[in-house]
């Protein structure tokens, strides 16, 4: 039986094109709640979009990750994929999270995600 992986996606519009199982948050507030629910477990993949619609951005989620690392209790994450269409925002997220020791991959333009759902 295949191993169950924990994958979290914080994106206002996109989903995984292959239909893989993932917990999805469509706002930064929902993303923060989702992240906190997985606080004490291992997260295999965390996918972050920068712009979450309107004035909302993923920064509240990034700040939770920063604060946890600052307090010497970082989240246990295999890799953070930053897949934003906003290159400046993606680069800043990657810079901040790498500074705190998270493994980050900029995945802008990833074919793993597509606009499949409506918010």
PDB file of N, CA and C in Angstrom:
ATOM      1  N   UNK A   1       0.847  -1.181   0.000  1.00  0.00           N
ATOM      2  CA  UNK A   1       0.000   0.000   0.000  1.00  0.00           C
ATOM      3  C   UNK A   1       0.895   1.248   0.000  1.00  0.00           C
ATOM      4  N   UNK A   2       0.598   2.253  -0.847  1.00  0.00           N
ATOM      5  CA  UNK A   2       1.440   3.447  -0.913  1.00  0.00           C
ATOM      6  C   UNK A   2       1.387   4.255   0.374  1.00  0.00           C
ATOM      7  N   UNK A   3       2.503   4.890   0.672  1.00  0.00           N
ATOM      8  CA  UNK A   3       2.605   5.729   1.862  1.00  0.00           C
ATOM      9  C   UNK A   3       1.747   6.967   1.694  1.00  0.00           C
ATOM     10  N   UNK A   4       1.037   7.355   2.731  1.00  0.00           N
ATOM     11  CA  UNK A   4       0.196   8.562   2.707  1.00  0.00           C
ATOM     12  C   UNK A   4       1.078   9.774   2.946  1.00  0.00           C
ATOM     13  N   UNK A   5       1.052  10.703   2.023  1.00  0.00           N
ATOM     14  CA  UNK A   5       1.860  11.910   2.123  1.00  0.00           C
ATOM     15  C   UNK A   5       0.971  13.060   2.550  1.00  0.00           C
ATOM     16  N   UNK A   6       1.552  13.991   3.306  1.00  0.00           N
ATOM     17  CA  UNK A   6       0.836  15.182   3.725  1.00  0.00           C
ATOM     18  C   UNK A   6       1.255  16.327   2.818  1.00  0.00           C
ATOM     19  N   UNK A   7       0.305  16.791   2.015  1.00  0.00           N
ATOM     20  CA  UNK A   7       0.552  17.867   1.074  1.00  0.00           C
ATOM     21  C   UNK A   7      -0.452  18.977   1.354  1.00  0.00           C
ATOM     22  N   UNK A   8       0.054  20.188   1.548  1.00  0.00           N
ATOM     23  CA  UNK A   8      -0.789  21.354   1.790  1.00  0.00           C
ATOM     24  C   UNK A   8      -0.618  22.330   0.635  1.00  0.00           C
ATOM     25  N   UNK A   9      -1.718  22.851   0.137  1.00  0.00           N
ATOM     26  CA  UNK A   9      -1.715  23.813  -0.961  1.00  0.00           C
ATOM     27  C   UNK A   9      -2.435  25.073  -0.505  1.00  0.00           C
ATOM     28  N   UNK A  10      -1.731  26.209  -0.546  1.00  0.00           N
ATOM     29  CA  UNK A  10      -2.333  27.497  -0.219  1.00  0.00           C
ATOM     30  C   UNK A  10      -2.344  28.313  -1.510  1.00  0.00           C
ATOM     31  N   UNK A  11      -3.497  28.368  -2.144  1.00  0.00           N
ATOM     32  CA  UNK A  11      -3.644  29.023  -3.446  1.00  0.00           C
ATOM     33  C   UNK A  11      -5.114  29.371  -3.633  1.00  0.00           C
ATOM     34  N   UNK A  12      -5.384  30.568  -4.115  1.00  0.00           N
ATOM     35  CA  UNK A  12      -6.773  30.991  -4.257  1.00  0.00           C
ATOM     36  C   UNK A  12      -7.492  30.370  -5.443  1.00  0.00           C
ATOM     37  N   UNK A  13      -6.777  29.910  -6.459  1.00  0.00           N
ATOM     38  CA  UNK A  13      -7.431  29.433  -7.679  1.00  0.00           C
ATOM     39  C   UNK A  13      -6.986  28.071  -8.186  1.00  0.00           C
ATOM     40  N   UNK A  14      -5.740  27.711  -7.980  1.00  0.00           N
ATOM     41  CA  UNK A  14      -5.201  26.499  -8.610  1.00  0.00           C
ATOM     42  C   UNK A  14      -5.361  25.258  -7.737  1.00  0.00           C
ATOM     43  N   UNK A  15      -5.337  24.109  -8.429  1.00  0.00           N
ATOM     44  CA  UNK A  15      -5.346  22.790  -7.797  1.00  0.00           C
ATOM     45  C   UNK A  15      -4.358  21.909  -8.546  1.00  0.00           C
ATOM     46  N   UNK A  16      -4.095  20.730  -8.027  1.00  0.00           N
ATOM     47  CA  UNK A  16      -3.189  19.799  -8.689  1.00  0.00           C
ATOM     48  C   UNK A  16      -3.890  19.147  -9.873  1.00  0.00           C
ATOM     49  N   UNK A  17      -3.249  19.184 -11.029  1.00  0.00           N
ATOM     50  CA  UNK A  17      -3.872  18.654 -12.241  1.00  0.00           C
ATOM     51  C   UNK A  17      -3.994  17.132 -12.215  1.00  0.00           C
ATOM     52  N   UNK A  18      -3.147  16.460 -11.444  1.00  0.00           N
ATOM     53  CA  UNK A  18      -3.214  15.000 -11.386  1.00  0.00           C
ATOM     54  C   UNK A  18      -4.195  14.501 -10.326  1.00  0.00           C
ATOM     55  N   UNK A  19      -4.864  15.423  -9.634  1.00  0.00           N
ATOM     56  CA  UNK A  19      -5.863  15.037  -8.644  1.00  0.00           C
ATOM     57  C   UNK A  19      -5.299  14.492  -7.347  1.00  0.00           C
ATOM     58  N   UNK A  20      -4.008  14.693  -7.095  1.00  0.00           N
ATOM     59  CA  UNK A  20      -3.408  14.151  -5.866  1.00  0.00           C
ATOM     60  C   UNK A  20      -4.116  14.694  -4.628  1.00  0.00           C
ATOM     61  N   UNK A  21      -4.075  13.921  -3.590  1.00  0.00           N
ATOM     62  CA  UNK A  21      -4.690  14.316  -2.330  1.00  0.00           C
ATOM     63  C   UNK A  21      -3.898  15.434  -1.691  1.00  0.00           C
ATOM     64  N   UNK A  22      -4.597  16.490  -1.347  1.00  0.00           N
ATOM     65  CA  UNK A  22      -3.967  17.627  -0.683  1.00  0.00           C
ATOM     66  C   UNK A  22      -5.023  18.362   0.111  1.00  0.00           C
ATOM     67  N   UNK A  23      -4.604  18.933   1.223  1.00  0.00           N
ATOM     68  CA  UNK A  23      -5.461  19.847   1.964  1.00  0.00           C
ATOM     69  C   UNK A  23      -5.263  21.218   1.332  1.00  0.00           C
ATOM     70  N   UNK A  24      -6.364  21.878   0.975  1.00  0.00           N
ATOM     71  CA  UNK A  24      -6.290  23.125   0.219  1.00  0.00           C
ATOM     72  C   UNK A  24      -6.899  24.270   1.010  1.00  0.00           C
ATOM     73  N   UNK A  25      -6.191  25.399   1.003  1.00  0.00           N
ATOM     74  CA  UNK A  25      -6.690  26.633   1.605  1.00  0.00           C
ATOM     75  C   UNK A  25      -6.744  27.689   0.514  1.00  0.00           C
ATOM     76  N   UNK A  26      -7.847  28.414   0.431  1.00  0.00           N
ATOM     77  CA  UNK A  26      -8.055  29.394  -0.624  1.00  0.00           C
ATOM     78  C   UNK A  26      -7.834  30.841  -0.177  1.00  0.00           C
ATOM     79  N   UNK A  27      -7.553  31.071   1.098  1.00  0.00           N
ATOM     80  CA  UNK A  27      -7.236  32.402   1.625  1.00  0.00           C
ATOM     81  C   UNK A  27      -6.048  32.275   2.565  1.00  0.00           C
ATOM     82  N   UNK A  28      -5.408  33.394   2.885  1.00  0.00           N
ATOM     83  CA  UNK A  28      -4.283  33.329   3.824  1.00  0.00           C
ATOM     84  C   UNK A  28      -4.761  32.919   5.217  1.00  0.00           C
ATOM     85  N   UNK A  29      -5.947  33.378   5.623  1.00  0.00           N
ATOM     86  CA  UNK A  29      -6.471  32.991   6.941  1.00  0.00           C
ATOM     87  C   UNK A  29      -6.704  31.484   6.999  1.00  0.00           C
ATOM     88  N   UNK A  30      -7.292  30.930   5.951  1.00  0.00           N
ATOM     89  CA  UNK A  30      -7.502  29.481   5.906  1.00  0.00           C
ATOM     90  C   UNK A  30      -6.166  28.754   5.839  1.00  0.00           C
ATOM     91  N   UNK A  31      -5.186  29.341   5.136  1.00  0.00           N
ATOM     92  CA  UNK A  31      -3.848  28.748   5.068  1.00  0.00           C
ATOM     93  C   UNK A  31      -3.175  28.710   6.424  1.00  0.00           C
ATOM     94  N   UNK A  32      -3.335  29.785   7.191  1.00  0.00           N
ATOM     95  CA  UNK A  32      -2.763  29.830   8.539  1.00  0.00           C
ATOM     96  C   UNK A  32      -3.404  28.762   9.429  1.00  0.00           C
ATOM     97  N   UNK A  33      -4.717  28.620   9.340  1.00  0.00           N
ATOM     98  CA  UNK A  33      -5.415  27.592  10.123  1.00  0.00           C
ATOM     99  C   UNK A  33      -4.966  26.189   9.706  1.00  0.00           C
ATOM    100  N   UNK A  34      -4.844  25.975   8.407  1.00  0.00           N
ATOM    101  CA  UNK A  34      -4.403  24.684   7.892  1.00  0.00           C
ATOM    102  C   UNK A  34      -3.004  24.347   8.394  1.00  0.00           C
ATOM    103  N   UNK A  35      -2.113  25.300   8.334  1.00  0.00           N
ATOM    104  CA  UNK A  35      -0.750  25.089   8.798  1.00  0.00           C
ATOM    105  C   UNK A  35      -0.734  24.762  10.288  1.00  0.00           C
ATOM    106  N   UNK A  36      -1.481  25.510  11.075  1.00  0.00           N
ATOM    107  CA  UNK A  36      -1.525  25.266  12.525  1.00  0.00           C
ATOM    108  C   UNK A  36      -2.087  23.885  12.849  1.00  0.00           C
ATOM    109  N   UNK A  37      -3.029  23.390  12.061  1.00  0.00           N
ATOM    110  CA  UNK A  37      -3.586  22.045  12.289  1.00  0.00           C
ATOM    111  C   UNK A  37      -2.532  20.965  12.086  1.00  0.00           C
ATOM    112  N   UNK A  38      -1.505  21.275  11.322  1.00  0.00           N
ATOM    113  CA  UNK A  38      -0.433  20.310  11.042  1.00  0.00           C
ATOM    114  C   UNK A  38       0.834  20.650  11.815  1.00  0.00           C
ATOM    115  N   UNK A  39       0.719  21.455  12.848  1.00  0.00           N
ATOM    116  CA  UNK A  39       1.865  21.978  13.589  1.00  0.00           C
ATOM    117  C   UNK A  39       2.807  20.891  14.103  1.00  0.00           C
ATOM    118  N   UNK A  40       2.266  19.823  14.623  1.00  0.00           N
ATOM    119  CA  UNK A  40       3.113  18.825  15.273  1.00  0.00           C
ATOM    120  C   UNK A  40       3.373  17.593  14.419  1.00  0.00           C
ATOM    121  N   UNK A  41       2.990  17.631  13.155  1.00  0.00           N
ATOM    122  CA  UNK A  41       3.229  16.497  12.272  1.00  0.00           C
ATOM    123  C   UNK A  41       4.207  16.864  11.171  1.00  0.00           C
ATOM    124  N   UNK A  42       4.530  15.880  10.358  1.00  0.00           N
ATOM    125  CA  UNK A  42       5.410  16.114   9.219  1.00  0.00           C
ATOM    126  C   UNK A  42       4.571  16.524   8.011  1.00  0.00           C
ATOM    127  N   UNK A  43       4.994  17.574   7.336  1.00  0.00           N
ATOM    128  CA  UNK A  43       4.374  18.023   6.093  1.00  0.00           C
ATOM    129  C   UNK A  43       5.362  17.685   4.979  1.00  0.00           C
ATOM    130  N   UNK A  44       4.971  16.816   4.080  1.00  0.00           N
ATOM    131  CA  UNK A  44       5.869  16.433   2.995  1.00  0.00           C
ATOM    132  C   UNK A  44       6.094  17.588   2.030  1.00  0.00           C
ATOM    133  N   UNK A  45       5.002  18.255   1.638  1.00  0.00           N
ATOM    134  CA  UNK A  45       5.086  19.355   0.685  1.00  0.00           C
ATOM    135  C   UNK A  45       4.129  20.463   1.103  1.00  0.00           C
ATOM    136  N   UNK A  46       4.629  21.687   1.073  1.00  0.00           N
ATOM    137  CA  UNK A  46       3.804  22.867   1.293  1.00  0.00           C
ATOM    138  C   UNK A  46       3.923  23.720   0.039  1.00  0.00           C
ATOM    139  N   UNK A  47       2.814  23.953  -0.642  1.00  0.00           N
ATOM    140  CA  UNK A  47       2.778  24.743  -1.876  1.00  0.00           C
ATOM    141  C   UNK A  47       2.180  26.100  -1.550  1.00  0.00           C
ATOM    142  N   UNK A  48       2.908  27.173  -1.877  1.00  0.00           N
ATOM    143  CA  UNK A  48       2.464  28.525  -1.560  1.00  0.00           C
ATOM    144  C   UNK A  48       2.365  29.397  -2.808  1.00  0.00           C
ATOM    145  N   UNK A  49       1.229  30.059  -2.948  1.00  0.00           N
ATOM    146  CA  UNK A  49       1.043  31.096  -3.949  1.00  0.00           C
ATOM    147  C   UNK A  49       1.188  32.428  -3.219  1.00  0.00           C
ATOM    148  N   UNK A  50       1.723  33.443  -3.855  1.00  0.00           N
ATOM    149  CA  UNK A  50       1.895  34.744  -3.202  1.00  0.00           C
ATOM    150  C   UNK A  50       0.588  35.521  -3.138  1.00  0.00           C
ATOM    151  N   UNK A  51      -0.017  35.774  -4.281  1.00  0.00           N
ATOM    152  CA  UNK A  51      -1.229  36.594  -4.343  1.00  0.00           C
ATOM    153  C   UNK A  51      -2.460  35.715  -4.188  1.00  0.00           C
ATOM    154  N   UNK A  52      -3.263  36.050  -3.179  1.00  0.00           N
ATOM    155  CA  UNK A  52      -4.415  35.218  -2.839  1.00  0.00           C
ATOM    156  C   UNK A  52      -5.749  35.853  -3.240  1.00  0.00           C
ATOM    157  N   UNK A  53      -5.717  36.833  -4.107  1.00  0.00           N
ATOM    158  CA  UNK A  53      -6.949  37.494  -4.529  1.00  0.00           C
ATOM    159  C   UNK A  53      -7.187  38.774  -3.755  1.00  0.00           C
ATOM    160  N   UNK A  54      -7.549  39.824  -4.455  1.00  0.00           N
ATOM    161  CA  UNK A  54      -7.758  41.114  -3.798  1.00  0.00           C
ATOM    162  C   UNK A  54      -6.475  41.582  -3.141  1.00  0.00           C
ATOM    163  N   UNK A  55      -6.595  42.044  -1.907  1.00  0.00           N
ATOM    164  CA  UNK A  55      -5.422  42.510  -1.149  1.00  0.00           C
ATOM    165  C   UNK A  55      -4.767  41.394  -0.338  1.00  0.00           C
ATOM    166  N   UNK A  56      -5.312  40.200  -0.384  1.00  0.00           N
ATOM    167  CA  UNK A  56      -4.809  39.080   0.417  1.00  0.00           C
ATOM    168  C   UNK A  56      -3.537  38.512  -0.213  1.00  0.00           C
ATOM    169  N   UNK A  57      -2.551  38.242   0.626  1.00  0.00           N
ATOM    170  CA  UNK A  57      -1.331  37.559   0.200  1.00  0.00           C
ATOM    171  C   UNK A  57      -1.051  36.419   1.167  1.00  0.00           C
ATOM    172  N   UNK A  58      -0.066  35.616   0.855  1.00  0.00           N
ATOM    173  CA  UNK A  58       0.284  34.454   1.675  1.00  0.00           C
ATOM    174  C   UNK A  58       1.164  34.841   2.874  1.00  0.00           C
ATOM    175  N   UNK A  59       1.501  36.106   3.019  1.00  0.00           N
ATOM    176  CA  UNK A  59       2.431  36.510   4.077  1.00  0.00           C
ATOM    177  C   UNK A  59       2.016  36.099   5.494  1.00  0.00           C
ATOM    178  N   UNK A  60       0.732  36.076   5.870  1.00  0.00           N
ATOM    179  CA  UNK A  60       0.410  35.563   7.210  1.00  0.00           C
ATOM    180  C   UNK A  60       0.880  34.124   7.432  1.00  0.00           C
ATOM    181  N   UNK A  61       0.850  33.304   6.394  1.00  0.00           N
ATOM    182  CA  UNK A  61       1.334  31.920   6.488  1.00  0.00           C
ATOM    183  C   UNK A  61       2.859  31.912   6.631  1.00  0.00           C
ATOM    184  N   UNK A  62       3.524  32.725   5.834  1.00  0.00           N
ATOM    185  CA  UNK A  62       4.987  32.819   5.897  1.00  0.00           C
ATOM    186  C   UNK A  62       5.423  33.302   7.285  1.00  0.00           C
ATOM    187  N   UNK A  63       4.698  34.257   7.852  1.00  0.00           N
ATOM    188  CA  UNK A  63       5.042  34.769   9.180  1.00  0.00           C
ATOM    189  C   UNK A  63       4.915  33.697  10.258  1.00  0.00           C
ATOM    190  N   UNK A  64       3.959  32.794  10.127  1.00  0.00           N
ATOM    191  CA  UNK A  64       3.839  31.680  11.079  1.00  0.00           C
ATOM    192  C   UNK A  64       5.075  30.788  10.983  1.00  0.00           C
ATOM    193  N   UNK A  65       5.508  30.499   9.766  1.00  0.00           N
ATOM    194  CA  UNK A  65       6.707  29.679   9.573  1.00  0.00           C
ATOM    195  C   UNK A  65       7.939  30.372  10.139  1.00  0.00           C
ATOM    196  N   UNK A  66       8.055  31.679   9.899  1.00  0.00           N
ATOM    197  CA  UNK A  66       9.179  32.457  10.431  1.00  0.00           C
ATOM    198  C   UNK A  66       9.199  32.434  11.950  1.00  0.00           C
ATOM    199  N   UNK A  67       8.048  32.724  12.549  1.00  0.00           N
ATOM    200  CA  UNK A  67       7.961  32.792  14.007  1.00  0.00           C
ATOM    201  C   UNK A  67       8.330  31.449  14.640  1.00  0.00           C
ATOM    202  N   UNK A  68       7.852  30.359  14.042  1.00  0.00           N
ATOM    203  CA  UNK A  68       8.159  29.029  14.571  1.00  0.00           C
ATOM    204  C   UNK A  68       9.660  28.765  14.541  1.00  0.00           C
ATOM    205  N   UNK A  69      10.307  29.130  13.440  1.00  0.00           N
ATOM    206  CA  UNK A  69      11.759  28.929  13.337  1.00  0.00           C
ATOM    207  C   UNK A  69      12.499  29.844  14.301  1.00  0.00           C
ATOM    208  N   UNK A  70      12.049  31.091  14.436  1.00  0.00           N
ATOM    209  CA  UNK A  70      12.664  32.043  15.369  1.00  0.00           C
ATOM    210  C   UNK A  70      12.611  31.505  16.800  1.00  0.00           C
ATOM    211  N   UNK A  71      11.523  30.828  17.120  1.00  0.00           N
ATOM    212  CA  UNK A  71      11.340  30.260  18.464  1.00  0.00           C
ATOM    213  C   UNK A  71      11.979  28.877  18.591  1.00  0.00           C
ATOM    214  N   UNK A  72      12.837  28.519  17.642  1.00  0.00           N
ATOM    215  CA  UNK A  72      13.563  27.237  17.633  1.00  0.00           C
ATOM    216  C   UNK A  72      12.653  26.017  17.601  1.00  0.00           C
ATOM    217  N   UNK A  73      11.500  26.179  16.977  1.00  0.00           N
ATOM    218  CA  UNK A  73      10.570  25.058  16.803  1.00  0.00           C
ATOM    219  C   UNK A  73       9.958  25.142  15.398  1.00  0.00           C
ATOM    220  N   UNK A  74      10.834  25.059  14.355  1.00  0.00           N
ATOM    221  CA  UNK A  74      10.322  25.193  12.991  1.00  0.00           C
ATOM    222  C   UNK A  74       9.380  24.047  12.634  1.00  0.00           C
ATOM    223  N   UNK A  75       8.532  24.305  11.680  1.00  0.00           N
ATOM    224  CA  UNK A  75       7.664  23.254  11.164  1.00  0.00           C
ATOM    225  C   UNK A  75       8.525  22.204  10.480  1.00  0.00           C
ATOM    226  N   UNK A  76       8.094  20.946  10.560  1.00  0.00           N
ATOM    227  CA  UNK A  76       8.782  19.830   9.908  1.00  0.00           C
ATOM    228  C   UNK A  76       8.220  19.695   8.493  1.00  0.00           C
ATOM    229  N   UNK A  77       8.899  20.326   7.538  1.00  0.00           N
ATOM    230  CA  UNK A  77       8.429  20.356   6.150  1.00  0.00           C
ATOM    231  C   UNK A  77       9.528  19.810   5.250  1.00  0.00           C
ATOM    232  N   UNK A  78       9.163  18.855   4.415  1.00  0.00           N
ATOM    233  CA  UNK A  78      10.126  18.314   3.456  1.00  0.00           C
ATOM    234  C   UNK A  78      10.591  19.384   2.485  1.00  0.00           C
ATOM    235  N   UNK A  79       9.641  20.016   1.805  1.00  0.00           N
ATOM    236  CA  UNK A  79       9.983  21.078   0.862  1.00  0.00           C
ATOM    237  C   UNK A  79       8.808  22.044   0.734  1.00  0.00           C
ATOM    238  N   UNK A  80       9.151  23.321   0.639  1.00  0.00           N
ATOM    239  CA  UNK A  80       8.163  24.364   0.359  1.00  0.00           C
ATOM    240  C   UNK A  80       8.304  24.724  -1.115  1.00  0.00           C
ATOM    241  N   UNK A  81       7.221  24.564  -1.864  1.00  0.00           N
ATOM    242  CA  UNK A  81       7.194  24.944  -3.280  1.00  0.00           C
ATOM    243  C   UNK A  81       6.505  26.302  -3.375  1.00  0.00           C
ATOM    244  N   UNK A  82       7.203  27.302  -3.885  1.00  0.00           N
ATOM    245  CA  UNK A  82       6.602  28.616  -4.090  1.00  0.00           C
ATOM    246  C   UNK A  82       6.278  28.697  -5.579  1.00  0.00           C
ATOM    247  N   UNK A  83       4.992  28.701  -5.898  1.00  0.00           N
ATOM    248  CA  UNK A  83       4.570  28.577  -7.289  1.00  0.00           C
ATOM    249  C   UNK A  83       3.869  29.832  -7.813  1.00  0.00           C
ATOM    250  N   UNK A  84       4.113  30.938  -7.218  1.00  0.00           N
ATOM    251  CA  UNK A  84       3.434  32.180  -7.571  1.00  0.00           C
ATOM    252  C   UNK A  84       3.775  32.679  -8.973  1.00  0.00           C
ATOM    253  N   UNK A  85       2.803  33.341  -9.595  1.00  0.00           N
ATOM    254  CA  UNK A  85       3.035  34.024 -10.877  1.00  0.00           C
ATOM    255  C   UNK A  85       3.658  35.400 -10.657  1.00  0.00           C
ATOM    256  N   UNK A  86       3.851  35.765  -9.412  1.00  0.00           N
ATOM    257  CA  UNK A  86       4.456  37.042  -9.032  1.00  0.00           C
ATOM    258  C   UNK A  86       5.930  36.770  -8.721  1.00  0.00           C
ATOM    259  N   UNK A  87       6.845  37.008  -9.689  1.00  0.00           N
ATOM    260  CA  UNK A  87       8.248  36.635  -9.486  1.00  0.00           C
ATOM    261  C   UNK A  87       8.908  37.331  -8.299  1.00  0.00           C
ATOM    262  N   UNK A  88       8.604  38.601  -8.096  1.00  0.00           N
ATOM    263  CA  UNK A  88       9.183  39.314  -6.957  1.00  0.00           C
ATOM    264  C   UNK A  88       8.691  38.759  -5.633  1.00  0.00           C
ATOM    265  N   UNK A  89       7.399  38.489  -5.566  1.00  0.00           N
ATOM    266  CA  UNK A  89       6.828  37.912  -4.347  1.00  0.00           C
ATOM    267  C   UNK A  89       7.378  36.527  -4.070  1.00  0.00           C
ATOM    268  N   UNK A  90       7.498  35.709  -5.118  1.00  0.00           N
ATOM    269  CA  UNK A  90       8.032  34.355  -4.962  1.00  0.00           C
ATOM    270  C   UNK A  90       9.473  34.399  -4.460  1.00  0.00           C
ATOM    271  N   UNK A  91      10.272  35.295  -5.034  1.00  0.00           N
ATOM    272  CA  UNK A  91      11.682  35.400  -4.624  1.00  0.00           C
ATOM    273  C   UNK A  91      11.804  35.836  -3.169  1.00  0.00           C
ATOM    274  N   UNK A  92      10.959  36.761  -2.755  1.00  0.00           N
ATOM    275  CA  UNK A  92      11.018  37.239  -1.365  1.00  0.00           C
ATOM    276  C   UNK A  92      10.605  36.137  -0.386  1.00  0.00           C
ATOM    277  N   UNK A  93       9.549  35.397  -0.720  1.00  0.00           N
ATOM    278  CA  UNK A  93       9.134  34.274   0.131  1.00  0.00           C
ATOM    279  C   UNK A  93      10.278  33.273   0.253  1.00  0.00           C
ATOM    280  N   UNK A  94      10.873  32.910  -0.878  1.00  0.00           N
ATOM    281  CA  UNK A  94      11.968  31.939  -0.867  1.00  0.00           C
ATOM    282  C   UNK A  94      13.128  32.441  -0.026  1.00  0.00           C
ATOM    283  N   UNK A  95      13.491  33.698  -0.179  1.00  0.00           N
ATOM    284  CA  UNK A  95      14.600  34.275   0.584  1.00  0.00           C
ATOM    285  C   UNK A  95      14.336  34.203   2.084  1.00  0.00           C
ATOM    286  N   UNK A  96      13.138  34.600   2.492  1.00  0.00           N
ATOM    287  CA  UNK A  96      12.787  34.607   3.917  1.00  0.00           C
ATOM    288  C   UNK A  96      12.811  33.190   4.488  1.00  0.00           C
ATOM    289  N   UNK A  97      12.166  32.258   3.793  1.00  0.00           N
ATOM    290  CA  UNK A  97      12.080  30.894   4.336  1.00  0.00           C
ATOM    291  C   UNK A  97      13.432  30.184   4.326  1.00  0.00           C
ATOM    292  N   UNK A  98      14.235  30.429   3.311  1.00  0.00           N
ATOM    293  CA  UNK A  98      15.579  29.822   3.301  1.00  0.00           C
ATOM    294  C   UNK A  98      16.412  30.355   4.452  1.00  0.00           C
ATOM    295  N   UNK A  99      16.257  31.630   4.742  1.00  0.00           N
ATOM    296  CA  UNK A  99      17.001  32.230   5.868  1.00  0.00           C
ATOM    297  C   UNK A  99      16.722  31.474   7.171  1.00  0.00           C
ATOM    298  N   UNK A 100      15.501  30.959   7.304  1.00  0.00           N
ATOM    299  CA  UNK A 100      15.123  30.248   8.518  1.00  0.00           C
ATOM    300  C   UNK A 100      15.323  28.739   8.403  1.00  0.00           C
ATOM    301  N   UNK A 101      15.990  28.297   7.347  1.00  0.00           N
ATOM    302  CA  UNK A 101      16.369  26.892   7.248  1.00  0.00           C
ATOM    303  C   UNK A 101      15.384  25.984   6.545  1.00  0.00           C
ATOM    304  N   UNK A 102      14.316  26.549   6.002  1.00  0.00           N
ATOM    305  CA  UNK A 102      13.374  25.716   5.257  1.00  0.00           C
ATOM    306  C   UNK A 102      13.935  25.421   3.866  1.00  0.00           C
ATOM    307  N   UNK A 103      13.666  24.230   3.385  1.00  0.00           N
ATOM    308  CA  UNK A 103      14.062  23.856   2.013  1.00  0.00           C
ATOM    309  C   UNK A 103      12.993  24.403   1.071  1.00  0.00           C
ATOM    310  N   UNK A 104      13.410  25.263   0.145  1.00  0.00           N
ATOM    311  CA  UNK A 104      12.462  25.959  -0.727  1.00  0.00           C
ATOM    312  C   UNK A 104      12.809  25.719  -2.189  1.00  0.00           C
ATOM    313  N   UNK A 105      11.781  25.492  -2.982  1.00  0.00           N
ATOM    314  CA  UNK A 105      11.916  25.348  -4.426  1.00  0.00           C
ATOM    315  C   UNK A 105      10.965  26.352  -5.080  1.00  0.00           C
ATOM    316  N   UNK A 106      11.499  27.213  -5.927  1.00  0.00           N
ATOM    317  CA  UNK A 106      10.615  28.107  -6.675  1.00  0.00           C
ATOM    318  C   UNK A 106      10.071  27.306  -7.849  1.00  0.00           C
ATOM    319  N   UNK A 107       8.758  27.158  -7.867  1.00  0.00           N
ATOM    320  CA  UNK A 107       8.093  26.303  -8.855  1.00  0.00           C
ATOM    321  C   UNK A 107       7.110  27.102  -9.706  1.00  0.00           C
ATOM    322  N   UNK A 108       7.406  28.368  -9.927  1.00  0.00           N
ATOM    323  CA  UNK A 108       6.529  29.195 -10.760  1.00  0.00           C
ATOM    324  C   UNK A 108       6.414  28.567 -12.143  1.00  0.00           C
ATOM    325  N   UNK A 109       5.206  28.523 -12.647  1.00  0.00           N
ATOM    326  CA  UNK A 109       4.978  27.905 -13.950  1.00  0.00           C
ATOM    327  C   UNK A 109       4.904  26.394 -13.901  1.00  0.00           C
ATOM    328  N   UNK A 110       4.829  25.832 -12.701  1.00  0.00           N
ATOM    329  CA  UNK A 110       4.776  24.377 -12.571  1.00  0.00           C
ATOM    330  C   UNK A 110       3.570  23.803 -13.320  1.00  0.00           C
ATOM    331  N   UNK A 111       3.801  22.739 -14.062  1.00  0.00           N
ATOM    332  CA  UNK A 111       2.717  22.066 -14.765  1.00  0.00           C
ATOM    333  C   UNK A 111       1.926  21.149 -13.828  1.00  0.00           C
ATOM    334  N   UNK A 112       2.355  21.061 -12.573  1.00  0.00           N
ATOM    335  CA  UNK A 112       1.631  20.241 -11.606  1.00  0.00           C
ATOM    336  C   UNK A 112       0.338  20.911 -11.135  1.00  0.00           C
ATOM    337  N   UNK A 113       0.237  22.230 -11.373  1.00  0.00           N
ATOM    338  CA  UNK A 113      -0.925  22.996 -10.931  1.00  0.00           C
ATOM    339  C   UNK A 113      -1.651  23.584 -12.114  1.00  0.00           C
ATOM    340  N   UNK A 114      -2.968  23.684 -11.981  1.00  0.00           N
ATOM    341  CA  UNK A 114      -3.769  24.297 -13.023  1.00  0.00           C
ATOM    342  C   UNK A 114      -5.005  24.932 -12.437  1.00  0.00           C
ATOM    343  N   UNK A 115      -5.647  25.771 -13.208  1.00  0.00           N
ATOM    344  CA  UNK A 115      -6.864  26.467 -12.778  1.00  0.00           C
ATOM    345  C   UNK A 115      -8.060  25.551 -12.989  1.00  0.00           C
ATOM    346  N   UNK A 116      -8.255  24.637 -12.036  1.00  0.00           N
ATOM    347  CA  UNK A 116      -9.308  23.641 -12.174  1.00  0.00           C
ATOM    348  C   UNK A 116     -10.568  23.976 -11.408  1.00  0.00           C
ATOM    349  N   UNK A 117     -10.423  24.682 -10.304  1.00  0.00           N
ATOM    350  CA  UNK A 117     -11.553  24.997  -9.437  1.00  0.00           C
ATOM    351  C   UNK A 117     -11.902  26.468  -9.565  1.00  0.00           C
ATOM    352  N   UNK A 118     -13.086  26.789  -9.129  1.00  0.00           N
ATOM    353  CA  UNK A 118     -13.444  28.188  -8.986  1.00  0.00           C
ATOM    354  C   UNK A 118     -13.506  28.486  -7.504  1.00  0.00           C
ATOM    355  N   UNK A 119     -13.076  29.681  -7.095  1.00  0.00           N
ATOM    356  CA  UNK A 119     -13.051  29.984  -5.656  1.00  0.00           C
ATOM    357  C   UNK A 119     -14.438  30.056  -5.064  1.00  0.00           C
TER     358      UNK A 119
END
